[in-house]
PDB file of N, CA and C in Angstrom:
ATOM      1  N   MET A   1      17.895 146.112  95.529  1.00  0.00           N
ATOM      2  CA  MET A   1      18.409 144.804  94.607  1.00  0.00           C
ATOM      3  C   MET A   1      19.418 143.599  94.810  1.00  0.00           C
ATOM      4  N   PRO A   2      18.956 142.681  94.875  1.00  0.00           N
ATOM      5  CA  PRO A   2      19.322 141.186  95.984  1.00  0.00           C
ATOM      6  C   PRO A   2      20.442 140.895  94.747  1.00  0.00           C
ATOM      7  N   GLN A   3      21.490 139.912  95.526  1.00  0.00           N
ATOM      8  CA  GLN A   3      22.406 139.156  94.669  1.00  0.00           C
ATOM      9  C   GLN A   3      22.182 137.743  94.994  1.00  0.00           C
ATOM     10  N   LEU A   4      21.783 137.128  94.031  1.00  0.00           N
ATOM     11  CA  LEU A   4      21.410 135.798  94.483  1.00  0.00           C
ATOM     12  C   LEU A   4      22.325 134.991  94.515  1.00  0.00           C
ATOM     13  N   PRO A   5      22.372 133.726  94.844  1.00  0.00           N
ATOM     14  CA  PRO A   5      23.428 133.023  94.967  1.00  0.00           C
ATOM     15  C   PRO A   5      24.397 132.709  94.078  1.00  0.00           C
ATOM     16  N   SER A   6      23.817 132.718  92.932  1.00  0.00           N
ATOM     17  CA  SER A   6      23.909 132.105  91.077  1.00  0.00           C
ATOM     18  C   SER A   6      24.840 133.435  91.049  1.00  0.00           C
ATOM     19  N   GLY A   7      24.642 134.552  92.023  1.00  0.00           N
ATOM     20  CA  GLY A   7      25.536 135.636  91.586  1.00  0.00           C
ATOM     21  C   GLY A   7      25.156 136.850  90.527  1.00  0.00           C
ATOM     22  N   ARG A   8      23.704 136.250  89.666  1.00  0.00           N
ATOM     23  CA  ARG A   8      22.617 137.217  89.972  1.00  0.00           C
ATOM     24  C   ARG A   8      22.441 138.044  90.046  1.00  0.00           C
ATOM     25  N   ARG A   9      21.850 139.531  89.863  1.00  0.00           N
ATOM     26  CA  ARG A   9      21.605 140.834  89.337  1.00  0.00           C
ATOM     27  C   ARG A   9      20.340 140.876  89.938  1.00  0.00           C
ATOM     28  N   ILE A  10      19.696 141.020  90.772  1.00  0.00           N
ATOM     29  CA  ILE A  10      18.337 141.028  90.062  1.00  0.00           C
ATOM     30  C   ILE A  10      17.356 142.453  90.786  1.00  0.00           C
ATOM     31  N   GLY A  11      16.954 143.075  89.494  1.00  0.00           N
ATOM     32  CA  GLY A  11      16.036 144.030  90.125  1.00  0.00           C
ATOM     33  C   GLY A  11      15.004 144.018  89.551  1.00  0.00           C
ATOM     34  N   LEU A  12      13.738 145.102  90.144  1.00  0.00           N
ATOM     35  CA  LEU A  12      12.292 144.634  89.503  1.00  0.00           C
ATOM     36  C   LEU A  12      12.056 145.710  88.993  1.00  0.00           C
ATOM     37  N   SER A  13      11.100 145.801  88.031  1.00  0.00           N
ATOM     38  CA  SER A  13      10.793 146.983  87.074  1.00  0.00           C
ATOM     39  C   SER A  13       9.385 147.182  87.040  1.00  0.00           C
ATOM     40  N   ALA A  14       8.465 147.724  86.399  1.00  0.00           N
ATOM     41  CA  ALA A  14       6.615 148.046  87.115  1.00  0.00           C
ATOM     42  C   ALA A  14       7.012 148.931  85.561  1.00  0.00           C
ATOM     43  N   ASP A  15       8.181 149.106  84.090  1.00  0.00           N
ATOM     44  CA  ASP A  15       8.462 150.181  83.450  1.00  0.00           C
ATOM     45  C   ASP A  15       6.689 149.663  82.630  1.00  0.00           C
ATOM     46  N   SER A  16       6.716 148.290  82.279  1.00  0.00           N
ATOM     47  CA  SER A  16       5.504 148.117  81.395  1.00  0.00           C
ATOM     48  C   SER A  16       4.584 148.061  81.788  1.00  0.00           C
ATOM     49  N   VAL A  17       4.055 148.059  83.270  1.00  0.00           N
ATOM     50  CA  VAL A  17       2.984 148.578  82.780  1.00  0.00           C
ATOM     51  C   VAL A  17       2.511 150.224  83.357  1.00  0.00           C
ATOM     52  N   PHE A  18       3.430 150.374  83.345  1.00  0.00           N
ATOM     53  CA  PHE A  18       2.711 151.816  83.265  1.00  0.00           C
ATOM     54  C   PHE A  18       2.903 152.310  82.081  1.00  0.00           C
ATOM     55  N   GLU A  19       3.824 151.791  80.984  1.00  0.00           N
ATOM     56  CA  GLU A  19       3.513 152.186  79.817  1.00  0.00           C
ATOM     57  C   GLU A  19       2.551 151.436  78.931  1.00  0.00           C
ATOM     58  N   ARG A  20       2.053 150.321  79.286  1.00  0.00           N
ATOM     59  CA  ARG A  20       0.544 149.949  79.131  1.00  0.00           C
ATOM     60  C   ARG A  20      -0.729 150.495  79.876  1.00  0.00           C
ATOM     61  N   LEU A  21      -0.578 150.972  81.064  1.00  0.00           N
ATOM     62  CA  LEU A  21      -1.738 151.740  81.479  1.00  0.00           C
ATOM     63  C   LEU A  21      -1.454 153.553  80.432  1.00  0.00           C
ATOM     64  N   LEU A  22      -0.358 154.120  80.966  1.00  0.00           N
ATOM     65  CA  LEU A  22      -0.437 155.563  79.771  1.00  0.00           C
ATOM     66  C   LEU A  22      -0.387 155.632  78.611  1.00  0.00           C
ATOM     67  N   ALA A  23      -1.214 153.945  77.660  1.00  0.00           N
ATOM     68  CA  ALA A  23      -0.840 154.272  76.441  1.00  0.00           C
ATOM     69  C   ALA A  23      -2.856 153.314  76.675  1.00  0.00           C
ATOM     70  N   GLY A  24      -3.171 153.363  77.557  1.00  0.00           N
ATOM     71  CA  GLY A  24      -4.811 152.977  77.236  1.00  0.00           C
ATOM     72  C   GLY A  24      -4.905 151.833  77.020  1.00  0.00           C
ATOM     73  N   ASP A  25      -4.008 150.682  77.253  1.00  0.00           N
ATOM     74  CA  ASP A  25      -4.764 149.845  77.116  1.00  0.00           C
ATOM     75  C   ASP A  25      -5.620 149.414  77.532  1.00  0.00           C
ATOM     76  N   PRO A  26      -6.989 148.840  77.449  1.00  0.00           N
ATOM     77  CA  PRO A  26      -8.188 147.991  78.648  1.00  0.00           C
ATOM     78  C   PRO A  26      -7.522 146.614  79.133  1.00  0.00           C
ATOM     79  N   GLU A  27      -6.675 146.117  78.013  1.00  0.00           N
ATOM     80  CA  GLU A  27      -6.507 145.337  79.362  1.00  0.00           C
ATOM     81  C   GLU A  27      -6.016 145.115  80.623  1.00  0.00           C
ATOM     82  N   ILE A  28      -5.034 146.203  80.293  1.00  0.00           N
ATOM     83  CA  ILE A  28      -4.670 146.320  81.643  1.00  0.00           C
ATOM     84  C   ILE A  28      -5.432 147.151  82.751  1.00  0.00           C
ATOM     85  N   LEU A  29      -6.245 148.331  82.127  1.00  0.00           N
ATOM     86  CA  LEU A  29      -7.015 148.927  82.729  1.00  0.00           C
ATOM     87  C   LEU A  29      -7.872 147.647  83.831  1.00  0.00           C
ATOM     88  N   ASP A  30      -8.404 147.104  83.622  1.00  0.00           N
ATOM     89  CA  ASP A  30      -9.092 146.421  83.700  1.00  0.00           C
ATOM     90  C   ASP A  30      -8.621 145.616  84.322  1.00  0.00           C
ATOM     91  N   GLN A  31      -7.283 144.833  84.080  1.00  0.00           N
ATOM     92  CA  GLN A  31      -6.683 144.213  85.511  1.00  0.00           C
ATOM     93  C   GLN A  31      -5.773 144.667  86.579  1.00  0.00           C
ATOM     94  N   LEU A  32      -5.252 146.156  86.233  1.00  0.00           N
ATOM     95  CA  LEU A  32      -5.993 146.917  87.077  1.00  0.00           C
ATOM     96  C   LEU A  32      -6.780 147.563  88.625  1.00  0.00           C
ATOM     97  N   ARG A  33      -7.688 147.374  87.976  1.00  0.00           N
ATOM     98  CA  ARG A  33      -9.306 147.856  88.554  1.00  0.00           C
ATOM     99  C   ARG A  33      -9.644 146.135  89.376  1.00  0.00           C
ATOM    100  N   THR A  34      -9.243 145.540  88.545  1.00  0.00           N
ATOM    101  CA  THR A  34     -10.667 144.434  89.510  1.00  0.00           C
ATOM    102  C   THR A  34      -9.257 143.166  90.202  1.00  0.00           C
ATOM    103  N   GLN A  35      -8.324 143.376  89.851  1.00  0.00           N
ATOM    104  CA  GLN A  35      -7.211 142.116  90.502  1.00  0.00           C
ATOM    105  C   GLN A  35      -6.440 142.941  91.504  1.00  0.00           C
ATOM    106  N   VAL A  36      -6.162 144.011  90.944  1.00  0.00           N
ATOM    107  CA  VAL A  36      -5.066 144.789  92.299  1.00  0.00           C
ATOM    108  C   VAL A  36      -5.886 145.562  93.027  1.00  0.00           C
ATOM    109  N   HIS A  37      -5.316 145.340  94.517  1.00  0.00           N
ATOM    110  CA  HIS A  37      -6.401 145.616  95.065  1.00  0.00           C
ATOM    111  C   HIS A  37      -5.061 145.376  96.736  1.00  0.00           C
ATOM    112  N   ASP A  38      -3.987 145.023  96.266  1.00  0.00           N
ATOM    113  CA  ASP A  38      -2.651 145.427  97.413  1.00  0.00           C
ATOM    114  C   ASP A  38      -1.630 145.249  96.909  1.00  0.00           C
ATOM    115  N   PRO A  39      -0.992 145.918  97.509  1.00  0.00           N
ATOM    116  CA  PRO A  39       1.028 146.136  96.625  1.00  0.00           C
ATOM    117  C   PRO A  39       1.136 144.707  96.767  1.00  0.00           C
ATOM    118  N   ARG A  40       0.828 143.903  96.753  1.00  0.00           N
ATOM    119  CA  ARG A  40       1.346 142.361  96.140  1.00  0.00           C
ATOM    120  C   ARG A  40       0.648 141.476  95.044  1.00  0.00           C
ATOM    121  N   ASP A  41      -0.394 142.017  94.664  1.00  0.00           N
ATOM    122  CA  ASP A  41      -1.356 142.046  93.270  1.00  0.00           C
ATOM    123  C   ASP A  41      -0.617 142.055  92.405  1.00  0.00           C
ATOM    124  N   LEU A  42       0.274 143.496  93.266  1.00  0.00           N
ATOM    125  CA  LEU A  42       0.954 143.857  91.500  1.00  0.00           C
ATOM    126  C   LEU A  42       3.037 142.388  91.054  1.00  0.00           C
ATOM    127  N   LEU A  43       3.328 141.212  91.701  1.00  0.00           N
ATOM    128  CA  LEU A  43       3.440 140.574  91.490  1.00  0.00           C
ATOM    129  C   LEU A  43       3.575 140.346  90.055  1.00  0.00           C
ATOM    130  N   PRO A  44       2.009 139.477  89.681  1.00  0.00           N
ATOM    131  CA  PRO A  44       1.860 139.404  88.221  1.00  0.00           C
ATOM    132  C   PRO A  44       2.581 140.283  87.016  1.00  0.00           C
ATOM    133  N   LEU A  45       2.146 141.371  87.706  1.00  0.00           N
ATOM    134  CA  LEU A  45       2.752 142.440  86.238  1.00  0.00           C
ATOM    135  C   LEU A  45       4.549 143.029  86.559  1.00  0.00           C
ATOM    136  N   ILE A  46       5.273 142.696  87.866  1.00  0.00           N
ATOM    137  CA  ILE A  46       6.213 143.386  87.553  1.00  0.00           C
ATOM    138  C   ILE A  46       7.554 142.636  87.463  1.00  0.00           C
ATOM    139  N   ASP A  47       8.329 143.228  86.182  1.00  0.00           N
ATOM    140  CA  ASP A  47       9.450 142.435  85.296  1.00  0.00           C
ATOM    141  C   ASP A  47      10.408 142.246  86.500  1.00  0.00           C
ATOM    142  N   LEU A  48      11.099 141.055  86.456  1.00  0.00           N
ATOM    143  CA  LEU A  48      12.793 140.871  87.113  1.00  0.00           C
ATOM    144  C   LEU A  48      13.879 140.985  85.331  1.00  0.00           C
ATOM    145  N   ILE A  49      14.319 141.653  86.460  1.00  0.00           N
ATOM    146  CA  ILE A  49      15.653 142.457  85.347  1.00  0.00           C
ATOM    147  C   ILE A  49      16.655 142.110  86.043  1.00  0.00           C
ATOM    148  N   GLU A  50      17.964 141.568  85.140  1.00  0.00           N
ATOM    149  CA  GLU A  50      18.740 141.145  85.503  1.00  0.00           C
ATOM    150  C   GLU A  50      19.520 142.046  84.803  1.00  0.00           C
ATOM    151  N   PHE A  51      20.946 142.438  85.998  1.00  0.00           N
ATOM    152  CA  PHE A  51      21.821 142.928  85.570  1.00  0.00           C
ATOM    153  C   PHE A  51      23.647 142.502  85.203  1.00  0.00           C
ATOM    154  N   ILE A  52      23.232 142.617  84.281  1.00  0.00           N
ATOM    155  CA  ILE A  52      24.504 142.068  83.227  1.00  0.00           C
ATOM    156  C   ILE A  52      26.556 143.032  83.224  1.00  0.00           C
ATOM    157  N   PRO A  53      27.284 141.840  85.214  1.00  0.00           N
ATOM    158  CA  PRO A  53      28.539 143.648  84.730  1.00  0.00           C
ATOM    159  C   PRO A  53      29.023 143.350  83.035  1.00  0.00           C
ATOM    160  N   THR A  54      29.385 144.823  82.817  1.00  0.00           N
ATOM    161  CA  THR A  54      29.609 145.090  81.329  1.00  0.00           C
ATOM    162  C   THR A  54      30.504 145.796  81.705  1.00  0.00           C
ATOM    163  N   VAL A  55      32.321 145.199  80.769  1.00  0.00           N
ATOM    164  CA  VAL A  55      33.140 146.231  81.306  1.00  0.00           C
ATOM    165  C   VAL A  55      32.167 147.901  80.328  1.00  0.00           C
ATOM    166  N   GLY A  56      33.217 149.071  81.248  1.00  0.00           N
ATOM    167  CA  GLY A  56      32.116 150.375  80.453  1.00  0.00           C
ATOM    168  C   GLY A  56      31.153 150.839  81.329  1.00  0.00           C
ATOM    169  N   ALA A  57      29.998 149.390  81.339  1.00  0.00           N
ATOM    170  CA  ALA A  57      28.613 149.625  81.865  1.00  0.00           C
ATOM    171  C   ALA A  57      29.019 150.373  83.892  1.00  0.00           C
ATOM    172  N   LYS A  58      27.901 151.184  84.093  1.00  0.00           N
ATOM    173  CA  LYS A  58      28.455 151.722  85.856  1.00  0.00           C
ATOM    174  C   LYS A  58      27.327 151.078  86.000  1.00  0.00           C
ATOM    175  N   GLU A  59      27.729 150.474  87.217  1.00  0.00           N
ATOM    176  CA  GLU A  59      27.689 149.487  88.529  1.00  0.00           C
ATOM    177  C   GLU A  59      25.886 149.871  88.458  1.00  0.00           C
ATOM    178  N   PRO A  60      24.782 149.278  88.296  1.00  0.00           N
ATOM    179  CA  PRO A  60      25.473 147.536  88.556  1.00  0.00           C
ATOM    180  C   PRO A  60      25.507 146.596  87.220  1.00  0.00           C
ATOM    181  N   GLY A  61      26.005 146.674  86.841  1.00  0.00           N
ATOM    182  CA  GLY A  61      25.739 146.537  85.297  1.00  0.00           C
ATOM    183  C   GLY A  61      24.667 147.207  84.404  1.00  0.00           C
ATOM    184  N   VAL A  62      24.478 146.180  82.747  1.00  0.00           N
ATOM    185  CA  VAL A  62      23.263 146.511  81.765  1.00  0.00           C
ATOM    186  C   VAL A  62      22.304 146.055  82.458  1.00  0.00           C
ATOM    187  N   PRO A  63      20.804 146.593  82.233  1.00  0.00           N
ATOM    188  CA  PRO A  63      19.921 145.782  82.572  1.00  0.00           C
ATOM    189  C   PRO A  63      19.584 144.749  81.222  1.00  0.00           C
ATOM    190  N   ASN A  64      18.720 143.477  81.476  1.00  0.00           N
ATOM    191  CA  ASN A  64      18.035 142.867  80.489  1.00  0.00           C
ATOM    192  C   ASN A  64      17.005 141.944  81.027  1.00  0.00           C
ATOM    193  N   ALA A  65      15.986 141.771  79.790  1.00  0.00           N
ATOM    194  CA  ALA A  65      14.548 141.913  80.311  1.00  0.00           C
ATOM    195  C   ALA A  65      15.383 139.868  80.399  1.00  0.00           C
ATOM    196  N   THR A  66      14.326 139.389  81.921  1.00  0.00           N
ATOM    197  CA  THR A  66      14.441 137.361  82.080  1.00  0.00           C
ATOM    198  C   THR A  66      13.395 137.405  81.551  1.00  0.00           C
ATOM    199  N   GLY A  67      12.116 137.997  81.231  1.00  0.00           N
ATOM    200  CA  GLY A  67      11.089 137.388  80.849  1.00  0.00           C
ATOM    201  C   GLY A  67      10.202 136.537  81.763  1.00  0.00           C
ATOM    202  N   LEU A  68      10.213 136.860  82.942  1.00  0.00           N
ATOM    203  CA  LEU A  68       9.580 136.689  84.018  1.00  0.00           C
ATOM    204  C   LEU A  68       9.351 138.145  84.663  1.00  0.00           C
ATOM    205  N   VAL A  69       8.673 137.224  85.380  1.00  0.00           N
ATOM    206  CA  VAL A  69       7.884 138.118  86.167  1.00  0.00           C
ATOM    207  C   VAL A  69       8.016 138.025  87.552  1.00  0.00           C
ATOM    208  N   ALA A  70       7.999 139.109  89.047  1.00  0.00           N
ATOM    209  CA  ALA A  70       8.035 138.631  90.198  1.00  0.00           C
ATOM    210  C   ALA A  70       7.214 137.195  90.550  1.00  0.00           C
ATOM    211  N   ALA A  71       6.638 136.520  89.582  1.00  0.00           N
ATOM    212  CA  ALA A  71       5.401 135.670  90.532  1.00  0.00           C
ATOM    213  C   ALA A  71       5.298 134.976  90.377  1.00  0.00           C
ATOM    214  N   ASP A  72       6.728 134.395  89.212  1.00  0.00           N
ATOM    215  CA  ASP A  72       6.947 132.953  88.203  1.00  0.00           C
ATOM    216  C   ASP A  72       8.010 132.418  89.417  1.00  0.00           C
ATOM    217  N   MET A  73       8.505 133.082  90.373  1.00  0.00           N
ATOM    218  CA  MET A  73       8.975 132.238  91.353  1.00  0.00           C
ATOM    219  C   MET A  73       8.255 131.096  91.842  1.00  0.00           C
ATOM    220  N   GLY A  74       9.032 129.695  92.003  1.00  0.00           N
ATOM    221  CA  GLY A  74       7.809 128.662  92.570  1.00  0.00           C
ATOM    222  C   GLY A  74       7.445 127.921  91.830  1.00  0.00           C
ATOM    223  N   THR A  75       7.329 128.338  90.132  1.00  0.00           N
ATOM    224  CA  THR A  75       7.078 128.027  89.157  1.00  0.00           C
ATOM    225  C   THR A  75       7.480 126.933  87.828  1.00  0.00           C
ATOM    226  N   GLU A  76       6.649 126.598  87.156  1.00  0.00           N
ATOM    227  CA  GLU A  76       7.861 126.068  86.505  1.00  0.00           C
ATOM    228  C   GLU A  76       8.218 127.201  85.471  1.00  0.00           C
ATOM    229  N   ARG A  77       7.302 128.471  85.648  1.00  0.00           N
ATOM    230  CA  ARG A  77       7.830 129.115  84.212  1.00  0.00           C
ATOM    231  C   ARG A  77       9.356 129.496  84.635  1.00  0.00           C
ATOM    232  N   CYS A  78      10.010 129.766  85.808  1.00  0.00           N
ATOM    233  CA  CYS A  78      11.104 129.630  86.135  1.00  0.00           C
ATOM    234  C   CYS A  78      11.938 128.787  86.459  1.00  0.00           C
ATOM    235  N   SER A  79      13.196 128.509  85.631  1.00  0.00           N
ATOM    236  CA  SER A  79      14.638 127.482  85.376  1.00  0.00           C
ATOM    237  C   SER A  79      15.113 128.096  86.395  1.00  0.00           C
ATOM    238  N   TRP A  80      15.256 128.997  87.297  1.00  0.00           N
ATOM    239  CA  TRP A  80      16.301 129.508  87.894  1.00  0.00           C
ATOM    240  C   TRP A  80      17.228 128.572  89.393  1.00  0.00           C
ATOM    241  N   SER A  81      18.445 127.870  89.415  1.00  0.00           N
ATOM    242  CA  SER A  81      17.978 126.923  90.649  1.00  0.00           C
ATOM    243  C   SER A  81      17.307 126.969  91.620  1.00  0.00           C
ATOM    244  N   GLN A  82      17.303 126.700  91.800  1.00  0.00           N
ATOM    245  CA  GLN A  82      15.870 126.527  93.601  1.00  0.00           C
ATOM    246  C   GLN A  82      16.409 128.057  94.665  1.00  0.00           C
ATOM    247  N   ALA A  83      17.731 127.130  94.316  1.00  0.00           N
ATOM    248  CA  ALA A  83      18.445 128.638  95.551  1.00  0.00           C
ATOM    249  C   ALA A  83      17.390 129.958  95.693  1.00  0.00           C
ATOM    250  N   ASP A  84      18.401 130.400  93.830  1.00  0.00           N
ATOM    251  CA  ASP A  84      17.746 131.159  93.209  1.00  0.00           C
ATOM    252  C   ASP A  84      16.829 132.241  93.360  1.00  0.00           C
ATOM    253  N   GLN A  85      15.570 131.055  93.473  1.00  0.00           N
ATOM    254  CA  GLN A  85      13.861 131.137  94.103  1.00  0.00           C
ATOM    255  C   GLN A  85      13.911 131.438  94.708  1.00  0.00           C
ATOM    256  N   ASN A  86      14.467 130.792  96.030  1.00  0.00           N
ATOM    257  CA  ASN A  86      14.145 130.910  97.743  1.00  0.00           C
ATOM    258  C   ASN A  86      14.707 132.407  97.643  1.00  0.00           C
ATOM    259  N   ALA A  87      16.145 132.264  97.351  1.00  0.00           N
ATOM    260  CA  ALA A  87      16.646 133.819  97.786  1.00  0.00           C
ATOM    261  C   ALA A  87      15.612 134.280  97.081  1.00  0.00           C
ATOM    262  N   LEU A  88      14.917 134.522  95.891  1.00  0.00           N
ATOM    263  CA  LEU A  88      14.576 136.063  95.391  1.00  0.00           C
ATOM    264  C   LEU A  88      12.712 135.847  96.587  1.00  0.00           C
ATOM    265  N   SER A  89      12.623 135.137  96.147  1.00  0.00           N
ATOM    266  CA  SER A  89      11.567 134.984  97.327  1.00  0.00           C
ATOM    267  C   SER A  89      11.551 136.096  98.475  1.00  0.00           C
ATOM    268  N   SER A  90      12.475 135.231  99.041  1.00  0.00           N
ATOM    269  CA  SER A  90      12.621 135.344 100.693  1.00  0.00           C
ATOM    270  C   SER A  90      12.683 136.864 100.264  1.00  0.00           C
ATOM    271  N   TRP A  91      14.224 137.800  99.778  1.00  0.00           N
ATOM    272  CA  TRP A  91      13.981 138.980  99.257  1.00  0.00           C
ATOM    273  C   TRP A  91      12.326 139.649  98.999  1.00  0.00           C
ATOM    274  N   LEU A  92      11.534 139.171  98.179  1.00  0.00           N
ATOM    275  CA  LEU A  92      10.805 139.464  97.877  1.00  0.00           C
ATOM    276  C   LEU A  92       9.465 139.898  98.891  1.00  0.00           C
ATOM    277  N   ALA A  93       9.964 139.226 100.191  1.00  0.00           N
ATOM    278  CA  ALA A  93       8.847 139.575 101.036  1.00  0.00           C
ATOM    279  C   ALA A  93       9.559 140.142 102.568  1.00  0.00           C
ATOM    280  N   SER A  94      11.214 140.911 101.933  1.00  0.00           N
ATOM    281  CA  SER A  94      11.763 142.063 102.994  1.00  0.00           C
ATOM    282  C   SER A  94      11.060 143.495 102.871  1.00  0.00           C
ATOM    283  N   ALA A  95      11.655 143.804 104.009  1.00  0.00           N
ATOM    284  CA  ALA A  95      10.898 145.149 104.406  1.00  0.00           C
ATOM    285  C   ALA A  95      10.964 146.399 102.736  1.00  0.00           C
ATOM    286  N   ALA A  96      12.466 146.004 102.975  1.00  0.00           N
ATOM    287  CA  ALA A  96      12.720 146.757 101.426  1.00  0.00           C
ATOM    288  C   ALA A  96      11.432 146.691  99.818  1.00  0.00           C
ATOM    289  N   ALA A  97      11.427 145.389  99.648  1.00  0.00           N
ATOM    290  CA  ALA A  97      10.814 144.931  98.587  1.00  0.00           C
ATOM    291  C   ALA A  97       9.501 145.607  98.785  1.00  0.00           C
ATOM    292  N   GLU A  98       8.875 145.391 100.224  1.00  0.00           N
ATOM    293  CA  GLU A  98       7.194 145.944 100.338  1.00  0.00           C
ATOM    294  C   GLU A  98       6.992 146.988  99.733  1.00  0.00           C
ATOM    295  N   GLU A  99       8.219 148.121 100.685  1.00  0.00           N
ATOM    296  CA  GLU A  99       8.378 149.686  99.866  1.00  0.00           C
ATOM    297  C   GLU A  99       8.313 149.939  98.692  1.00  0.00           C
ATOM    298  N   TRP A 100       8.988 148.715  98.228  1.00  0.00           N
ATOM    299  CA  TRP A 100       8.833 149.676  97.058  1.00  0.00           C
ATOM    300  C   TRP A 100       7.553 149.338  96.072  1.00  0.00           C
ATOM    301  N   LEU A 101       6.890 147.654  96.196  1.00  0.00           N
ATOM    302  CA  LEU A 101       5.477 147.959  95.914  1.00  0.00           C
ATOM    303  C   LEU A 101       4.683 148.268  96.912  1.00  0.00           C
ATOM    304  N   GLU A 102       4.806 148.939  97.231  1.00  0.00           N
ATOM    305  CA  GLU A 102       3.939 150.112  97.892  1.00  0.00           C
ATOM    306  C   GLU A 102       3.910 151.063  97.208  1.00  0.00           C
ATOM    307  N   ASP A 103       5.389 151.524  97.368  1.00  0.00           N
ATOM    308  CA  ASP A 103       5.536 152.891  96.681  1.00  0.00           C
ATOM    309  C   ASP A 103       4.673 153.022  94.799  1.00  0.00           C
ATOM    310  N   ARG A 104       5.250 151.547  94.156  1.00  0.00           N
ATOM    311  CA  ARG A 104       4.736 151.434  92.933  1.00  0.00           C
ATOM    312  C   ARG A 104       2.814 151.514  92.552  1.00  0.00           C
ATOM    313  N   PHE A 105       2.497 150.651  94.108  1.00  0.00           N
ATOM    314  CA  PHE A 105       0.779 150.314  94.072  1.00  0.00           C
ATOM    315  C   PHE A 105       0.733 152.015  94.678  1.00  0.00           C
ATOM    316  N   ASP A 106       1.030 153.103  94.780  1.00  0.00           N
ATOM    317  CA  ASP A 106       0.203 153.959  95.143  1.00  0.00           C
ATOM    318  C   ASP A 106       0.354 154.649  93.686  1.00  0.00           C
ATOM    319  N   GLU A 107       1.714 154.974  93.226  1.00  0.00           N
ATOM    320  CA  GLU A 107       1.629 155.214  91.981  1.00  0.00           C
ATOM    321  C   GLU A 107       0.845 155.724  90.767  1.00  0.00           C
ATOM    322  N   LEU A 108       0.844 153.329  90.746  1.00  0.00           N
ATOM    323  CA  LEU A 108      -0.806 153.235  90.147  1.00  0.00           C
ATOM    324  C   LEU A 108      -2.164 153.937  90.003  1.00  0.00           C
ATOM    325  N   GLU A 109      -2.368 153.483  91.545  1.00  0.00           N
ATOM    326  CA  GLU A 109      -3.086 153.737  92.221  1.00  0.00           C
ATOM    327  C   GLU A 109      -3.806 155.888  91.056  1.00  0.00           C
ATOM    328  N   ALA A 110      -2.906 156.198  91.872  1.00  0.00           N
ATOM    329  CA  ALA A 110      -2.652 157.755  91.212  1.00  0.00           C
ATOM    330  C   ALA A 110      -2.968 157.940  89.595  1.00  0.00           C
ATOM    331  N   ALA A 111      -2.061 156.552  88.810  1.00  0.00           N
ATOM    332  CA  ALA A 111      -2.197 156.889  87.375  1.00  0.00           C
ATOM    333  C   ALA A 111      -3.752 156.386  86.439  1.00  0.00           C
ATOM    334  N   LEU A 112      -4.350 155.298  87.540  1.00  0.00           N
ATOM    335  CA  LEU A 112      -5.435 154.627  87.388  1.00  0.00           C
ATOM    336  C   LEU A 112      -6.493 156.273  88.308  1.00  0.00           C
ATOM    337  N   ASP A 113      -6.732 156.784  88.559  1.00  0.00           N
ATOM    338  CA  ASP A 113      -7.496 158.135  89.310  1.00  0.00           C
ATOM    339  C   ASP A 113      -8.017 159.290  88.611  1.00  0.00           C
ATOM    340  N   ASP A 114      -6.138 158.910  87.057  1.00  0.00           N
ATOM    341  CA  ASP A 114      -5.786 160.498  86.570  1.00  0.00           C
ATOM    342  C   ASP A 114      -6.860 159.712  84.837  1.00  0.00           C
ATOM    343  N   GLU A 115      -6.459 158.239  84.943  1.00  0.00           N
ATOM    344  CA  GLU A 115      -7.216 158.097  84.114  1.00  0.00           C
ATOM    345  C   GLU A 115      -9.035 157.868  83.881  1.00  0.00           C
ATOM    346  N   GLU A 116      -9.421 158.242  85.214  1.00  0.00           N
ATOM    347  CA  GLU A 116     -11.239 158.264  85.133  1.00  0.00           C
ATOM    348  C   GLU A 116     -11.601 159.712  85.390  1.00  0.00           C
ATOM    349  N   ASP A 117      -9.854 160.960  86.008  1.00  0.00           N
ATOM    350  CA  ASP A 117     -11.174 162.081  85.080  1.00  0.00           C
ATOM    351  C   ASP A 117     -11.120 162.629  83.614  1.00  0.00           C
TER     352      ASP A 117
END
């Protein structure tokens, strides 16, 4: 989880994708089958979570939905500072982020296979 120049602590979440998949949402099933061919293709589906430091909360803080997905960096959808966007984009290209995306990709492939059985 990177901490951006502004101090934001950001995490990635694929929870909404898995929830939709498990619910049998035909739109996400189609999107996963036709548009997701490698881990980086998941970026438009990965939610960005900001952890808000809160008294009494465990580190890194209370998760808060940003309303953004990882693919929003560098687009008009994201109003964050350019420094924050650049830092997150750089982190998304890191080995740690790539590994996280690969793990989610593998989990989603397995879940899709289960859907087809």
